Amino acid sequence: MTRVRRGYIARRRRKKIRLFASTFQGAHSRLTRIITQQKIRALVSAHRNRDRQKRDFRRLWITRINAVIREGGVSYNYSQFIHDLYNRQLLLNRKVLAQIAILNKNCLYMISNEIIKKED
């Protein structure tokens, strides 16, 4: 039986997979079967951790806002602050409020003082 020369399609597919795993270590970057397994694993982790990252950032923003508000010396906390923001219809999201809390605390104090004055 004569020798059959295989086409380039399988080689192209394997090369594409290897490019994805070029930064992996050991057999995870060299052996095709293991590369495909690691690729699936990596993509699953990336998909899962995108949702996790959203949760973690929201927690961080809430912590920052709460810390700055409590630091102000007023007996005021995060939950009351957010509740009063919604009552006043000041729709600032937590990311923006956390940026204000870090960069310009006085601005956040002014916002909270205005809210307190309007409620009284």
Protein backbone atom coordinates (compact mmCIF):
# COMPACT_ATOMS: atom_id res chain seq x y z
CA MET A 1 0.00 0.00 0.00
CA THR A 2 1.30 3.40 -0.88
CA ARG A 3 1.96 6.11 1.65
CA VAL A 4 -0.78 8.72 1.93
CA ARG A 5 0.24 12.32 2.50
CA ARG A 6 -2.22 13.90 4.86
CA GLY A 7 -3.63 17.33 4.17
CA TYR A 8 -2.84 20.52 5.99
CA ILE A 9 -6.22 20.96 7.70
CA ALA A 10 -5.47 18.89 10.82
CA ARG A 11 -2.07 20.54 11.17
CA ARG A 12 -3.67 23.97 10.89
CA ARG A 13 -6.23 23.08 13.56
CA ARG A 14 -3.54 21.83 15.96
CA LYS A 15 -1.41 24.89 15.32
CA LYS A 16 -4.34 27.15 16.19
CA ILE A 17 -4.88 25.26 19.46
CA ARG A 18 -1.14 25.48 20.27
CA LEU A 19 -1.18 29.25 19.80
CA PHE A 20 -3.86 29.50 22.49
CA ALA A 21 -1.80 27.43 24.91
CA SER A 22 1.61 28.89 24.14
CA THR A 23 1.96 30.36 27.63
CA PHE A 24 0.97 27.16 29.42
CA GLN A 25 3.75 25.13 31.06
CA GLY A 26 5.08 21.66 30.35
CA ALA A 27 2.92 19.16 28.50
CA HIS A 28 0.03 21.62 28.71
CA SER A 29 1.70 23.60 25.95
CA ARG A 30 3.09 20.71 23.87
CA LEU A 31 0.71 17.74 23.70
CA THR A 32 -2.39 18.24 21.61
CA ARG A 33 -4.83 16.22 23.72
CA ILE A 34 -3.76 17.86 26.94
CA ILE A 35 -3.80 21.29 25.28
CA THR A 36 -7.44 20.82 24.28
CA GLN A 37 -8.36 19.76 27.83
CA GLN A 38 -6.54 22.74 29.32
CA LYS A 39 -8.14 25.09 26.81
CA ILE A 40 -11.63 23.94 27.83
CA ARG A 41 -10.67 24.31 31.49
CA ALA A 42 -9.26 27.79 30.96
CA LEU A 43 -12.33 29.01 29.08
CA VAL A 44 -14.68 27.60 31.74
CA SER A 45 -12.70 29.38 34.47
CA ALA A 46 -12.69 32.63 32.51
CA HIS A 47 -16.46 32.45 32.01
CA ARG A 48 -17.10 31.69 35.68
CA ASN A 49 -14.74 34.37 36.95
CA ARG A 50 -16.25 37.13 34.83
CA ASP A 51 -19.38 36.87 36.98
CA ARG A 52 -17.25 36.55 40.11
CA GLN A 53 -15.34 39.70 39.19
CA LYS A 54 -18.56 41.70 38.93
CA ARG A 55 -19.54 40.57 42.43
CA ASP A 56 -16.13 41.35 43.87
CA PHE A 57 -16.02 44.85 42.41
CA ARG A 58 -19.51 45.65 43.67
CA ARG A 59 -18.46 44.54 47.18
CA LEU A 60 -15.35 46.70 46.96
CA TRP A 61 -17.32 49.78 45.89
CA ILE A 62 -19.83 49.30 48.71
CA THR A 63 -17.03 48.92 51.27
CA ARG A 64 -15.30 52.09 50.07
CA ILE A 65 -18.49 54.16 50.13
CA ASN A 66 -19.43 52.87 53.58
CA ALA A 67 -15.96 53.59 54.99
CA VAL A 68 -15.93 57.19 53.77
CA ILE A 69 -19.49 57.90 54.93
CA ARG A 70 -18.86 56.51 58.44
CA GLU A 71 -15.59 58.46 58.60
CA GLY A 72 -17.52 61.71 58.27
CA GLY A 73 -18.43 61.73 61.95
CA VAL A 74 -22.16 61.67 61.27
CA SER A 75 -24.15 58.66 62.49
CA TYR A 76 -24.87 57.68 58.93
CA ASN A 77 -24.21 54.42 57.16
CA TYR A 78 -24.22 52.97 53.66
CA SER A 79 -27.73 51.56 53.60
CA GLN A 80 -29.30 54.83 54.79
CA PHE A 81 -27.19 56.77 52.28
CA ILE A 82 -28.29 54.63 49.32
CA HIS A 83 -31.91 54.71 50.50
CA ASP A 84 -31.87 58.50 50.73
CA LEU A 85 -30.16 58.77 47.32
CA TYR A 86 -33.01 56.84 45.74
CA ASN A 87 -35.61 58.89 47.58
CA ARG A 88 -34.01 62.09 46.27
CA GLN A 89 -33.81 60.47 42.79
CA LEU A 90 -30.05 61.02 42.55
CA LEU A 91 -29.23 58.01 40.45
CA LEU A 92 -25.47 57.70 40.90
CA ASN A 93 -24.23 54.15 40.62
CA ARG A 94 -21.91 52.59 43.17
CA LYS A 95 -18.89 52.69 40.88
CA VAL A 96 -19.15 56.47 40.48
CA LEU A 97 -19.80 56.98 44.19
CA ALA A 98 -16.73 54.89 45.05
CA GLN A 99 -14.60 56.98 42.65
CA ILE A 100 -15.89 60.16 44.31
CA ALA A 101 -15.18 58.65 47.73
CA ILE A 102 -11.56 57.92 46.80
CA LEU A 103 -10.70 61.02 44.80
CA ASN A 104 -12.75 63.71 46.52
CA LYS A 105 -14.15 62.86 49.97
CA ASN A 106 -15.43 66.39 50.49
CA CYS A 107 -17.73 66.02 47.49
CA LEU A 108 -19.25 62.86 48.96
CA TYR A 109 -19.67 64.63 52.31
CA MET A 110 -21.48 67.46 50.53
CA ILE A 111 -23.81 65.01 48.80
CA SER A 112 -24.62 63.22 52.06
CA ASN A 113 -25.12 66.52 53.94
CA GLU A 114 -27.52 67.78 51.27
CA ILE A 115 -29.48 64.57 51.48
CA ILE A 116 -29.67 64.81 55.28
CA LYS A 117 -30.85 68.44 55.10
CA LYS A 118 -33.57 67.63 52.57
CA GLU A 119 -34.84 64.70 54.68
CA ASP A 120 -35.18 66.91 57.79
